[in-house]
Amino acid sequence: MTAKPSFQEPPIPTIAEPAHVDKQATSKGIQALKDIAFGSIAGIAGKIVEYPFDTVKVRLQSQPDHLPLRYKGPLDCFRQSLQQDGFRGLYRGVSAPFAGAAAETACLFWSYRVAQDALRSFGGLDSGATLPLTGLVTAGALSGGVTSLILTPIELVKCRMQVPIQSPLDPTLNSTRPLSPFAVIRNVYGREGISGFWRGQLGTFLRETGGTAAWFGAYEASTLFFKTRLLQLQAPKTQSASDIQLPVHQQMASGALAGMSYNFIFYPADTIKSKIQTGELSTRGVRPTFMSVGKALWQSHGLKGLYRGCGITVARSAPSSALIFTIVENLKTAFA
């Protein structure tokens, strides 16, 4: 007998994933981790520099408008704060902002990169293509909008810890003693539930969307200016402007300009946000809205009231933002 020939099912062809796709995904994952790590480090360093000034700013913004103002200006607020609590009082509530600064800056730089990638894909550009300045500004705005969702609860806790609460909205917190973040969290959750942590979200969204667009836009424009000038001095020209590493003083100058741009343009939104989050301009427990608080501020003090504390905020944002961008850029270079 002859053996019957055996038949085997032909193998099902498989489509191998291109190697470059895996490498690209891995590269993006590593870059995302770097953005988060570098942004966290830079955010904490910047917060150490700016926090005392931020405390003064919030206290100036949160003064009740129906009574004589407690502080005559930033210097008077500094003086009274030092007399009342000492230098440590200017760092009241710093525990929450340290975590918040790390989360905020990490999210800003990470989402800024993601937004750029999305805009390149939408515009049919290569993954490594440089976006025009308008594209970078748009990416900054998208980054700020995403970050505002994380930032609002953190800033609510921070503001209520910074300001000695004397408000009919929060009678259980009427105290001039430092408040712990857990005491504030318990109070907010007990009175308003989870949604209470996003009180002032519209103000934060407007400030972050517009402010972050100005932040990244001003930094990119300034660094491009410095890089173009350095490129013009090269003979012969051996690289493009995007490949040039700026000296530290020019990185810091660009970062300082970015910080001032971020804070000045959309400052009224931040003032209204601080008013809402500290419970001022509220009556009989009625939850204030962005429009009602803004209208009350305008009627009480006009444009000056909306920009209360702006000078010290812009002044402190220059060194803080300069430090943040310089740290991030140098970490990127060191771990490229």
C-alpha atoms as a PDB file:
ATOM      1  CA  MET A   1       0.000   0.000   0.000  1.00  0.00           C
ATOM      2  CA  THR A   2       1.195   3.408  -0.808  1.00  0.00           C
ATOM      3  CA  ALA A   3       1.070   5.999   1.922  1.00  0.00           C
ATOM      4  CA  LYS A   4      -1.394   8.754   1.430  1.00  0.00           C
ATOM      5  CA  PRO A   5       0.228  12.086   0.985  1.00  0.00           C
ATOM      6  CA  SER A   6      -0.289  14.327   4.010  1.00  0.00           C
ATOM      7  CA  PHE A   7      -1.606  17.770   3.455  1.00  0.00           C
ATOM      8  CA  GLN A   8      -0.873  20.669   5.792  1.00  0.00           C
ATOM      9  CA  GLU A   9      -2.805  23.901   6.002  1.00  0.00           C
ATOM     10  CA  PRO A  10      -0.753  26.659   4.432  1.00  0.00           C
ATOM     11  CA  PRO A  11       0.453  29.118   7.045  1.00  0.00           C
ATOM     12  CA  ILE A  12      -1.632  32.226   7.395  1.00  0.00           C
ATOM     13  CA  PRO A  13       0.466  35.155   6.348  1.00  0.00           C
ATOM     14  CA  THR A  14       1.002  37.736   9.048  1.00  0.00           C
ATOM     15  CA  ILE A  15       1.746  41.369   8.572  1.00  0.00           C
ATOM     16  CA  ALA A  16       4.738  42.301  10.641  1.00  0.00           C
ATOM     17  CA  GLU A  17       4.560  45.641  12.329  1.00  0.00           C
ATOM     18  CA  PRO A  18       7.211  47.863  10.806  1.00  0.00           C
ATOM     19  CA  ALA A  19      10.179  48.230  13.128  1.00  0.00           C
ATOM     20  CA  HIS A  20      10.167  51.979  12.755  1.00  0.00           C
ATOM     21  CA  VAL A  21       6.633  52.151  14.200  1.00  0.00           C
ATOM     22  CA  ASP A  22       7.737  50.417  17.402  1.00  0.00           C
ATOM     23  CA  LYS A  23      10.777  52.635  17.645  1.00  0.00           C
ATOM     24  CA  GLN A  24       8.677  55.737  17.101  1.00  0.00           C
ATOM     25  CA  ALA A  25       6.182  54.729  19.801  1.00  0.00           C
ATOM     26  CA  THR A  26       9.017  53.956  22.231  1.00  0.00           C
ATOM     27  CA  SER A  27      10.685  57.261  21.443  1.00  0.00           C
ATOM     28  CA  LYS A  28       7.459  59.179  22.091  1.00  0.00           C
ATOM     29  CA  GLY A  29       6.957  57.337  25.377  1.00  0.00           C
ATOM     30  CA  ILE A  30      10.467  58.159  26.547  1.00  0.00           C
ATOM     31  CA  GLN A  31      10.035  61.772  25.490  1.00  0.00           C
ATOM     32  CA  ALA A  32       6.759  61.993  27.409  1.00  0.00           C
ATOM     33  CA  LEU A  33       8.461  60.692  30.558  1.00  0.00           C
ATOM     34  CA  LYS A  34      11.233  63.252  30.095  1.00  0.00           C
ATOM     35  CA  ASP A  35       8.706  66.066  29.695  1.00  0.00           C
ATOM     36  CA  ILE A  36       6.970  65.002  32.906  1.00  0.00           C
ATOM     37  CA  ALA A  37      10.196  64.573  34.890  1.00  0.00           C
ATOM     38  CA  PHE A  38      11.888  67.749  33.669  1.00  0.00           C
ATOM     39  CA  GLY A  39       8.711  69.789  34.055  1.00  0.00           C
ATOM     40  CA  SER A  40       8.207  68.538  37.613  1.00  0.00           C
ATOM     41  CA  ILE A  41      11.743  69.477  38.666  1.00  0.00           C
ATOM     42  CA  ALA A  42      11.516  72.898  37.023  1.00  0.00           C
ATOM     43  CA  GLY A  43       8.057  73.573  38.455  1.00  0.00           C
ATOM     44  CA  ILE A  44       9.155  72.916  42.046  1.00  0.00           C
ATOM     45  CA  ALA A  45      12.253  75.098  41.634  1.00  0.00           C
ATOM     46  CA  GLY A  46      10.163  77.927  40.200  1.00  0.00           C
ATOM     47  CA  LYS A  47       7.609  77.650  43.005  1.00  0.00           C
ATOM     48  CA  ILE A  48      10.300  78.058  45.684  1.00  0.00           C
ATOM     49  CA  VAL A  49      11.262  81.393  44.115  1.00  0.00           C
ATOM     50  CA  GLU A  50       7.802  82.766  43.460  1.00  0.00           C
ATOM     51  CA  TYR A  51       5.655  81.512  46.339  1.00  0.00           C
ATOM     52  CA  PRO A  52       6.063  84.430  48.809  1.00  0.00           C
ATOM     53  CA  PHE A  53       5.110  86.837  46.018  1.00  0.00           C
ATOM     54  CA  ASP A  54       2.153  84.635  45.091  1.00  0.00           C
ATOM     55  CA  THR A  55       0.922  84.742  48.697  1.00  0.00           C
ATOM     56  CA  VAL A  56       0.990  88.536  48.636  1.00  0.00           C
ATOM     57  CA  LYS A  57      -0.791  88.557  45.279  1.00  0.00           C
ATOM     58  CA  VAL A  58      -3.625  86.302  46.496  1.00  0.00           C
ATOM     59  CA  ARG A  59      -4.064  88.353  49.683  1.00  0.00           C
ATOM     60  CA  LEU A  60      -4.280  91.562  47.675  1.00  0.00           C
ATOM     61  CA  GLN A  61      -6.784  90.010  45.254  1.00  0.00           C
ATOM     62  CA  SER A  62      -8.971  88.545  47.985  1.00  0.00           C
ATOM     63  CA  GLN A  63      -9.557  91.661  50.090  1.00  0.00           C
ATOM     64  CA  PRO A  64     -13.268  92.354  50.699  1.00  0.00           C
ATOM     65  CA  ASP A  65     -14.329  95.278  48.544  1.00  0.00           C
ATOM     66  CA  HIS A  66     -17.217  96.401  50.746  1.00  0.00           C
ATOM     67  CA  LEU A  67     -14.837  97.285  53.594  1.00  0.00           C
ATOM     68  CA  PRO A  68     -11.770  99.554  53.803  1.00  0.00           C
ATOM     69  CA  LEU A  69      -8.927  97.710  52.121  1.00  0.00           C
ATOM     70  CA  ARG A  70      -6.668  95.946  54.587  1.00  0.00           C
ATOM     71  CA  TYR A  71      -3.519  96.432  52.507  1.00  0.00           C
ATOM     72  CA  LYS A  72      -2.403  99.660  50.849  1.00  0.00           C
ATOM     73  CA  GLY A  73      -0.272  97.804  48.312  1.00  0.00           C
ATOM     74  CA  PRO A  74       2.236  94.951  47.872  1.00  0.00           C
ATOM     75  CA  LEU A  75       4.859  96.402  50.239  1.00  0.00           C
ATOM     76  CA  ASP A  76       2.282  97.004  52.960  1.00  0.00           C
ATOM     77  CA  CYS A  77       0.983  93.453  52.493  1.00  0.00           C
ATOM     78  CA  PHE A  78       4.542  92.121  52.826  1.00  0.00           C
ATOM     79  CA  ARG A  79       5.043  94.165  55.994  1.00  0.00           C
ATOM     80  CA  GLN A  80       1.801  93.079  57.636  1.00  0.00           C
ATOM     81  CA  SER A  81       2.350  89.445  56.668  1.00  0.00           C
ATOM     82  CA  LEU A  82       5.843  89.443  58.186  1.00  0.00           C
ATOM     83  CA  GLN A  83       4.576  91.103  61.374  1.00  0.00           C
ATOM     84  CA  GLN A  84       1.728  88.643  61.726  1.00  0.00           C
ATOM     85  CA  ASP A  85       3.325  85.311  60.797  1.00  0.00           C
ATOM     86  CA  GLY A  86       7.006  85.964  60.094  1.00  0.00           C
ATOM     87  CA  PHE A  87       8.722  84.808  56.932  1.00  0.00           C
ATOM     88  CA  ARG A  88       7.172  81.347  57.266  1.00  0.00           C
ATOM     89  CA  GLY A  89       3.763  82.960  56.896  1.00  0.00           C
ATOM     90  CA  LEU A  90       4.613  83.901  53.317  1.00  0.00           C
ATOM     91  CA  TYR A  91       4.986  80.174  52.624  1.00  0.00           C
ATOM     92  CA  ARG A  92       1.606  79.353  54.156  1.00  0.00           C
ATOM     93  CA  GLY A  93      -0.011  76.525  52.209  1.00  0.00           C
ATOM     94  CA  VAL A  94       3.133  75.717  50.222  1.00  0.00           C
ATOM     95  CA  SER A  95       2.688  71.930  50.478  1.00  0.00           C
ATOM     96  CA  ALA A  96      -0.186  71.831  47.993  1.00  0.00           C
ATOM     97  CA  PRO A  97       1.486  74.221  45.504  1.00  0.00           C
ATOM     98  CA  PHE A  98       4.695  72.132  45.475  1.00  0.00           C
ATOM     99  CA  ALA A  99       2.694  69.150  44.273  1.00  0.00           C
ATOM    100  CA  GLY A 100       0.641  71.448  42.068  1.00  0.00           C
ATOM    101  CA  ALA A 101       3.683  73.126  40.517  1.00  0.00           C
ATOM    102  CA  ALA A 102       5.169  69.764  39.637  1.00  0.00           C
ATOM    103  CA  ALA A 103       1.885  68.567  38.128  1.00  0.00           C
ATOM    104  CA  GLU A 104       1.176  71.862  36.359  1.00  0.00           C
ATOM    105  CA  THR A 105       4.571  72.330  34.714  1.00  0.00           C
ATOM    106  CA  ALA A 106       4.864  68.659  33.796  1.00  0.00           C
ATOM    107  CA  CYS A 107       1.406  68.753  32.210  1.00  0.00           C
ATOM    108  CA  LEU A 108       2.183  72.007  30.382  1.00  0.00           C
ATOM    109  CA  PHE A 109       5.342  70.729  28.696  1.00  0.00           C
ATOM    110  CA  TRP A 110       3.900  67.272  28.006  1.00  0.00           C
ATOM    111  CA  SER A 111       0.617  68.537  26.552  1.00  0.00           C
ATOM    112  CA  TYR A 112       2.494  71.237  24.607  1.00  0.00           C
ATOM    113  CA  ARG A 113       4.460  68.531  22.810  1.00  0.00           C
ATOM    114  CA  VAL A 114       1.336  66.412  22.248  1.00  0.00           C
ATOM    115  CA  ALA A 115      -0.517  69.439  20.848  1.00  0.00           C
ATOM    116  CA  GLN A 116       2.364  70.158  18.456  1.00  0.00           C
ATOM    117  CA  ASP A 117       2.313  66.546  17.235  1.00  0.00           C
ATOM    118  CA  ALA A 118      -1.450  66.754  16.707  1.00  0.00           C
ATOM    119  CA  LEU A 119      -1.152  70.007  14.738  1.00  0.00           C
ATOM    120  CA  ARG A 120       1.618  68.518  12.553  1.00  0.00           C
ATOM    121  CA  SER A 121      -0.550  65.473  11.851  1.00  0.00           C
ATOM    122  CA  PHE A 122      -3.575  67.661  11.093  1.00  0.00           C
ATOM    123  CA  GLY A 123      -1.514  69.814   8.745  1.00  0.00           C
ATOM    124  CA  GLY A 124       0.109  66.871   6.991  1.00  0.00           C
ATOM    125  CA  LEU A 125       3.604  67.812   8.186  1.00  0.00           C
ATOM    126  CA  ASP A 126       6.463  65.468   9.031  1.00  0.00           C
ATOM    127  CA  SER A 127       6.820  64.503  12.683  1.00  0.00           C
ATOM    128  CA  GLY A 128      10.014  66.522  13.043  1.00  0.00           C
ATOM    129  CA  ALA A 129       8.844  69.603  11.148  1.00  0.00           C
ATOM    130  CA  THR A 130       9.030  72.962  12.905  1.00  0.00           C
ATOM    131  CA  LEU A 131       5.654  74.623  13.322  1.00  0.00           C
ATOM    132  CA  PRO A 132       5.242  78.317  12.521  1.00  0.00           C
ATOM    133  CA  LEU A 133       4.823  80.702  15.442  1.00  0.00           C
ATOM    134  CA  THR A 134       1.031  80.710  15.042  1.00  0.00           C
ATOM    135  CA  GLY A 135       1.053  76.928  15.358  1.00  0.00           C
ATOM    136  CA  LEU A 136       3.187  77.093  18.506  1.00  0.00           C
ATOM    137  CA  VAL A 137       0.842  79.675  20.034  1.00  0.00           C
ATOM    138  CA  THR A 138      -2.130  77.418  19.240  1.00  0.00           C
ATOM    139  CA  ALA A 139      -0.337  74.458  20.817  1.00  0.00           C
ATOM    140  CA  GLY A 140       0.266  76.591  23.900  1.00  0.00           C
ATOM    141  CA  ALA A 141      -3.418  77.480  24.149  1.00  0.00           C
ATOM    142  CA  LEU A 142      -4.416  73.807  23.895  1.00  0.00           C
ATOM    143  CA  SER A 143      -1.837  72.924  26.526  1.00  0.00           C
ATOM    144  CA  GLY A 144      -3.209  75.557  28.903  1.00  0.00           C
ATOM    145  CA  GLY A 145      -6.787  74.398  28.441  1.00  0.00           C
ATOM    146  CA  VAL A 146      -5.860  70.813  29.367  1.00  0.00           C
ATOM    147  CA  THR A 147      -3.755  71.910  32.339  1.00  0.00           C
ATOM    148  CA  SER A 148      -6.544  74.094  33.775  1.00  0.00           C
ATOM    149  CA  LEU A 149      -8.542  70.963  34.638  1.00  0.00           C
ATOM    150  CA  ILE A 150      -5.713  69.741  36.863  1.00  0.00           C
ATOM    151  CA  LEU A 151      -4.814  73.158  38.222  1.00  0.00           C
ATOM    152  CA  THR A 152      -8.189  74.456  39.475  1.00  0.00           C
ATOM    153  CA  PRO A 153      -8.542  72.101  42.492  1.00  0.00           C
ATOM    154  CA  ILE A 154      -4.896  72.628  43.453  1.00  0.00           C
ATOM    155  CA  GLU A 155      -5.221  76.410  43.306  1.00  0.00           C
ATOM    156  CA  LEU A 156      -8.479  76.361  45.254  1.00  0.00           C
ATOM    157  CA  VAL A 157      -6.780  74.593  48.164  1.00  0.00           C
ATOM    158  CA  LYS A 158      -3.713  76.855  47.868  1.00  0.00           C
ATOM    159  CA  CYS A 159      -5.714  80.101  47.874  1.00  0.00           C
ATOM    160  CA  ARG A 160      -7.770  79.099  50.908  1.00  0.00           C
ATOM    161  CA  MET A 161      -4.607  78.191  52.797  1.00  0.00           C
ATOM    162  CA  GLN A 162      -2.864  81.443  51.864  1.00  0.00           C
ATOM    163  CA  VAL A 163      -5.660  83.796  52.896  1.00  0.00           C
ATOM    164  CA  PRO A 164      -6.734  84.067  56.553  1.00  0.00           C
ATOM    165  CA  ILE A 165     -10.371  83.158  55.980  1.00  0.00           C
ATOM    166  CA  GLN A 166     -13.002  85.508  57.354  1.00  0.00           C
ATOM    167  CA  SER A 167     -15.920  84.712  55.111  1.00  0.00           C
ATOM    168  CA  PRO A 168     -19.617  84.022  55.634  1.00  0.00           C
ATOM    169  CA  LEU A 169     -19.298  81.292  52.998  1.00  0.00           C
ATOM    170  CA  ASP A 170     -16.963  79.224  55.203  1.00  0.00           C
ATOM    171  CA  PRO A 171     -17.769  79.946  58.881  1.00  0.00           C
ATOM    172  CA  THR A 172     -16.067  76.710  59.988  1.00  0.00           C
ATOM    173  CA  LEU A 173     -12.763  78.034  58.630  1.00  0.00           C
ATOM    174  CA  ASN A 174     -12.866  81.503  60.214  1.00  0.00           C
ATOM    175  CA  SER A 175      -9.351  81.630  61.555  1.00  0.00           C
ATOM    176  CA  THR A 176      -6.120  83.519  61.183  1.00  0.00           C
ATOM    177  CA  ARG A 177      -4.100  80.364  61.967  1.00  0.00           C
ATOM    178  CA  PRO A 178      -2.512  78.313  59.170  1.00  0.00           C
ATOM    179  CA  LEU A 179      -4.883  75.737  57.719  1.00  0.00           C
ATOM    180  CA  SER A 180      -3.845  72.272  56.645  1.00  0.00           C
ATOM    181  CA  PRO A 181      -4.686  71.140  53.102  1.00  0.00           C
ATOM    182  CA  PHE A 182      -6.760  68.294  54.547  1.00  0.00           C
ATOM    183  CA  ALA A 183      -8.890  70.714  56.568  1.00  0.00           C
ATOM    184  CA  VAL A 184      -9.623  72.716  53.420  1.00  0.00           C
ATOM    185  CA  ILE A 185     -10.332  69.578  51.393  1.00  0.00           C
ATOM    186  CA  ARG A 186     -12.745  68.252  54.033  1.00  0.00           C
ATOM    187  CA  ASN A 187     -14.561  71.576  54.191  1.00  0.00           C
ATOM    188  CA  VAL A 188     -14.918  71.930  50.426  1.00  0.00           C
ATOM    189  CA  TYR A 189     -16.082  68.358  49.968  1.00  0.00           C
ATOM    190  CA  GLY A 190     -18.497  68.556  52.899  1.00  0.00           C
ATOM    191  CA  ARG A 191     -20.147  71.745  51.624  1.00  0.00           C
ATOM    192  CA  GLU A 192     -20.106  71.287  47.845  1.00  0.00           C
ATOM    193  CA  GLY A 193     -19.036  67.739  46.997  1.00  0.00           C
ATOM    194  CA  ILE A 194     -16.578  66.881  44.231  1.00  0.00           C
ATOM    195  CA  SER A 195     -17.753  69.735  41.991  1.00  0.00           C
ATOM    196  CA  GLY A 196     -16.701  72.225  44.667  1.00  0.00           C
ATOM    197  CA  PHE A 197     -13.029  71.603  43.852  1.00  0.00           C
ATOM    198  CA  TRP A 198     -13.596  73.079  40.392  1.00  0.00           C
ATOM    199  CA  ARG A 199     -14.975  76.358  41.739  1.00  0.00           C
ATOM    200  CA  GLY A 200     -13.370  79.055  39.596  1.00  0.00           C
ATOM    201  CA  GLN A 201     -12.739  76.693  36.664  1.00  0.00           C
ATOM    202  CA  LEU A 202     -13.817  79.232  34.041  1.00  0.00           C
ATOM    203  CA  GLY A 203     -11.373  81.809  35.371  1.00  0.00           C
ATOM    204  CA  THR A 204      -8.558  79.252  35.443  1.00  0.00           C
ATOM    205  CA  PHE A 205      -9.438  78.071  31.927  1.00  0.00           C
ATOM    206  CA  LEU A 206      -9.384  81.605  30.494  1.00  0.00           C
ATOM    207  CA  ARG A 207      -6.156  82.471  32.288  1.00  0.00           C
ATOM    208  CA  GLU A 208      -4.405  79.230  31.319  1.00  0.00           C
ATOM    209  CA  THR A 209      -5.605  79.079  27.712  1.00  0.00           C
ATOM    210  CA  GLY A 210      -4.670  82.652  26.881  1.00  0.00           C
ATOM    211  CA  GLY A 211      -1.770  82.893  29.307  1.00  0.00           C
ATOM    212  CA  THR A 212      -0.077  79.680  28.218  1.00  0.00           C
ATOM    213  CA  ALA A 213      -0.438  80.674  24.559  1.00  0.00           C
ATOM    214  CA  ALA A 214       1.379  83.911  25.456  1.00  0.00           C
ATOM    215  CA  TRP A 215       3.884  81.998  27.632  1.00  0.00           C
ATOM    216  CA  PHE A 216       5.055  79.551  25.013  1.00  0.00           C
ATOM    217  CA  GLY A 217       4.551  82.052  22.182  1.00  0.00           C
ATOM    218  CA  ALA A 218       6.734  84.703  23.797  1.00  0.00           C
ATOM    219  CA  TYR A 219       9.418  82.148  24.665  1.00  0.00           C
ATOM    220  CA  GLU A 220       9.503  80.651  21.171  1.00  0.00           C
ATOM    221  CA  ALA A 221       9.572  84.077  19.512  1.00  0.00           C
ATOM    222  CA  SER A 222      12.344  85.319  21.796  1.00  0.00           C
ATOM    223  CA  THR A 223      14.521  82.229  21.415  1.00  0.00           C
ATOM    224  CA  LEU A 224      14.052  82.317  17.643  1.00  0.00           C
ATOM    225  CA  PHE A 225      15.199  85.948  17.631  1.00  0.00           C
ATOM    226  CA  PHE A 226      18.347  85.125  19.620  1.00  0.00           C
ATOM    227  CA  LYS A 227      19.095  82.013  17.541  1.00  0.00           C
ATOM    228  CA  THR A 228      18.684  83.903  14.268  1.00  0.00           C
ATOM    229  CA  ARG A 229      21.110  86.566  15.451  1.00  0.00           C
ATOM    230  CA  LEU A 230      23.667  83.956  16.476  1.00  0.00           C
ATOM    231  CA  LEU A 231      23.239  82.184  13.141  1.00  0.00           C
ATOM    232  CA  GLN A 232      23.934  85.415  11.277  1.00  0.00           C
ATOM    233  CA  LEU A 233      27.251  85.730  13.120  1.00  0.00           C
ATOM    234  CA  GLN A 234      28.415  82.296  12.010  1.00  0.00           C
ATOM    235  CA  ALA A 235      30.872  82.171   9.118  1.00  0.00           C
ATOM    236  CA  PRO A 236      30.293  79.877   7.409  1.00  0.00           C
ATOM    237  CA  LYS A 237      26.788  78.913   8.481  1.00  0.00           C
ATOM    238  CA  THR A 238      26.967  75.241   9.456  1.00  0.00           C
ATOM    239  CA  GLN A 239      23.555  74.649  11.052  1.00  0.00           C
ATOM    240  CA  SER A 240      19.996  75.878  11.157  1.00  0.00           C
ATOM    241  CA  ALA A 241      18.608  78.234  13.786  1.00  0.00           C
ATOM    242  CA  SER A 242      16.651  75.424  15.460  1.00  0.00           C
ATOM    243  CA  ASP A 243      19.870  73.491  16.166  1.00  0.00           C
ATOM    244  CA  ILE A 244      21.621  76.322  17.990  1.00  0.00           C
ATOM    245  CA  GLN A 245      22.010  76.035  21.778  1.00  0.00           C
ATOM    246  CA  LEU A 246      21.510  79.436  23.364  1.00  0.00           C
ATOM    247  CA  PRO A 247      23.719  80.628  26.222  1.00  0.00           C
ATOM    248  CA  VAL A 248      22.100  80.555  29.657  1.00  0.00           C
ATOM    249  CA  HIS A 249      21.557  84.311  29.921  1.00  0.00           C
ATOM    250  CA  GLN A 250      19.572  84.360  26.665  1.00  0.00           C
ATOM    251  CA  GLN A 251      17.523  81.347  27.761  1.00  0.00           C
ATOM    252  CA  MET A 252      16.702  83.142  30.992  1.00  0.00           C
ATOM    253  CA  ALA A 253      15.852  86.387  29.202  1.00  0.00           C
ATOM    254  CA  SER A 254      13.426  84.501  26.954  1.00  0.00           C
ATOM    255  CA  GLY A 255      11.892  82.737  29.947  1.00  0.00           C
ATOM    256  CA  ALA A 256      11.508  86.012  31.846  1.00  0.00           C
ATOM    257  CA  LEU A 257       9.704  87.610  28.897  1.00  0.00           C
ATOM    258  CA  ALA A 258       7.433  84.576  28.674  1.00  0.00           C
ATOM    259  CA  GLY A 259       6.529  84.793  32.360  1.00  0.00           C
ATOM    260  CA  MET A 260       5.642  88.467  32.189  1.00  0.00           C
ATOM    261  CA  SER A 261       3.522  87.894  29.051  1.00  0.00           C
ATOM    262  CA  TYR A 262       1.651  85.041  30.713  1.00  0.00           C
ATOM    263  CA  ASN A 263       0.673  87.033  33.781  1.00  0.00           C
ATOM    264  CA  PHE A 264      -0.136  90.481  32.440  1.00  0.00           C
ATOM    265  CA  ILE A 265      -2.503  89.885  29.531  1.00  0.00           C
ATOM    266  CA  PHE A 266      -5.057  87.655  31.262  1.00  0.00           C
ATOM    267  CA  TYR A 267      -4.576  88.865  34.834  1.00  0.00           C
ATOM    268  CA  PRO A 268      -8.219  89.942  35.383  1.00  0.00           C
ATOM    269  CA  ALA A 269      -9.341  86.331  34.916  1.00  0.00           C
ATOM    270  CA  ASP A 270      -6.948  85.310  37.704  1.00  0.00           C
ATOM    271  CA  THR A 271      -8.268  88.046  40.016  1.00  0.00           C
ATOM    272  CA  ILE A 272     -11.857  86.902  39.513  1.00  0.00           C
ATOM    273  CA  LYS A 273     -10.794  83.281  39.994  1.00  0.00           C
ATOM    274  CA  SER A 274      -9.099  84.074  43.317  1.00  0.00           C
ATOM    275  CA  LYS A 275     -12.183  85.972  44.508  1.00  0.00           C
ATOM    276  CA  ILE A 276     -14.415  83.017  43.716  1.00  0.00           C
ATOM    277  CA  GLN A 277     -12.114  80.454  45.298  1.00  0.00           C
ATOM    278  CA  THR A 278     -11.655  82.348  48.570  1.00  0.00           C
ATOM    279  CA  GLY A 279     -15.401  82.892  48.919  1.00  0.00           C
ATOM    280  CA  GLU A 280     -15.409  86.685  48.789  1.00  0.00           C
ATOM    281  CA  LEU A 281     -18.257  88.635  47.178  1.00  0.00           C
ATOM    282  CA  SER A 282     -20.652  85.840  48.104  1.00  0.00           C
ATOM    283  CA  THR A 283     -23.785  86.442  50.148  1.00  0.00           C
ATOM    284  CA  ARG A 284     -25.913  83.969  52.130  1.00  0.00           C
ATOM    285  CA  GLY A 285     -24.026  81.012  50.740  1.00  0.00           C
ATOM    286  CA  VAL A 286     -24.922  81.774  47.119  1.00  0.00           C
ATOM    287  CA  ARG A 287     -22.260  80.365  44.822  1.00  0.00           C
ATOM    288  CA  PRO A 288     -20.643  83.244  42.927  1.00  0.00           C
ATOM    289  CA  THR A 289     -20.243  83.094  39.149  1.00  0.00           C
ATOM    290  CA  PHE A 290     -17.464  84.431  36.960  1.00  0.00           C
ATOM    291  CA  MET A 291     -19.698  87.156  35.534  1.00  0.00           C
ATOM    292  CA  SER A 292     -21.212  88.233  38.860  1.00  0.00           C
ATOM    293  CA  VAL A 293     -17.826  88.522  40.574  1.00  0.00           C
ATOM    294  CA  GLY A 294     -16.309  90.345  37.611  1.00  0.00           C
ATOM    295  CA  LYS A 295     -19.219  92.776  37.511  1.00  0.00           C
ATOM    296  CA  ALA A 296     -19.004  93.456  41.255  1.00  0.00           C
ATOM    297  CA  LEU A 297     -15.259  94.090  41.029  1.00  0.00           C
ATOM    298  CA  TRP A 298     -15.693  96.440  38.089  1.00  0.00           C
ATOM    299  CA  GLN A 299     -18.439  98.396  39.868  1.00  0.00           C
ATOM    300  CA  SER A 300     -16.353  98.670  43.064  1.00  0.00           C
ATOM    301  CA  HIS A 301     -12.916  99.544  41.689  1.00  0.00           C
ATOM    302  CA  GLY A 302     -13.041  99.540  37.895  1.00  0.00           C
ATOM    303  CA  LEU A 303     -10.088  98.246  35.881  1.00  0.00           C
ATOM    304  CA  LYS A 304      -7.729  98.909  38.790  1.00  0.00           C
ATOM    305  CA  GLY A 305      -9.569  96.356  40.898  1.00  0.00           C
ATOM    306  CA  LEU A 306      -9.200  93.689  38.209  1.00  0.00           C
ATOM    307  CA  TYR A 307      -5.434  94.291  38.090  1.00  0.00           C
ATOM    308  CA  ARG A 308      -4.911  94.439  41.870  1.00  0.00           C
ATOM    309  CA  GLY A 309      -1.594  92.746  42.687  1.00  0.00           C
ATOM    310  CA  CYS A 310      -0.565  92.583  39.024  1.00  0.00           C
ATOM    311  CA  GLY A 311       2.710  94.462  39.487  1.00  0.00           C
ATOM    312  CA  ILE A 312       4.147  92.058  42.038  1.00  0.00           C
ATOM    313  CA  THR A 313       2.852  89.077  40.040  1.00  0.00           C
ATOM    314  CA  VAL A 314       4.592  90.182  36.858  1.00  0.00           C
ATOM    315  CA  ALA A 315       7.761  90.951  38.828  1.00  0.00           C
ATOM    316  CA  ARG A 316       7.928  87.528  40.463  1.00  0.00           C
ATOM    317  CA  SER A 317       7.024  85.681  37.272  1.00  0.00           C
ATOM    318  CA  ALA A 318      10.155  86.897  35.482  1.00  0.00           C
ATOM    319  CA  PRO A 319      12.765  85.034  37.604  1.00  0.00           C
ATOM    320  CA  SER A 320      10.463  82.064  38.161  1.00  0.00           C
ATOM    321  CA  SER A 321       9.705  81.519  34.482  1.00  0.00           C
ATOM    322  CA  ALA A 322      13.328  82.176  33.525  1.00  0.00           C
ATOM    323  CA  LEU A 323      14.377  79.434  35.928  1.00  0.00           C
ATOM    324  CA  ILE A 324      11.735  76.993  34.674  1.00  0.00           C
ATOM    325  CA  PHE A 325      12.636  77.264  30.989  1.00  0.00           C
ATOM    326  CA  THR A 326      16.383  77.240  31.678  1.00  0.00           C
ATOM    327  CA  ILE A 327      16.145  74.093  33.802  1.00  0.00           C
ATOM    328  CA  VAL A 328      13.979  72.283  31.246  1.00  0.00           C
ATOM    329  CA  GLU A 329      16.176  73.248  28.280  1.00  0.00           C
ATOM    330  CA  ASN A 330      19.394  72.216  30.032  1.00  0.00           C
ATOM    331  CA  LEU A 331      17.920  68.927  31.253  1.00  0.00           C
ATOM    332  CA  LYS A 332      16.822  68.184  27.690  1.00  0.00           C
ATOM    333  CA  THR A 333      20.363  68.847  26.473  1.00  0.00           C
ATOM    334  CA  ALA A 334      21.962  66.779  29.235  1.00  0.00           C
ATOM    335  CA  PHE A 335      19.680  63.774  28.694  1.00  0.00           C
ATOM    336  CA  ALA A 336      19.234  64.016  24.919  1.00  0.00           C
END
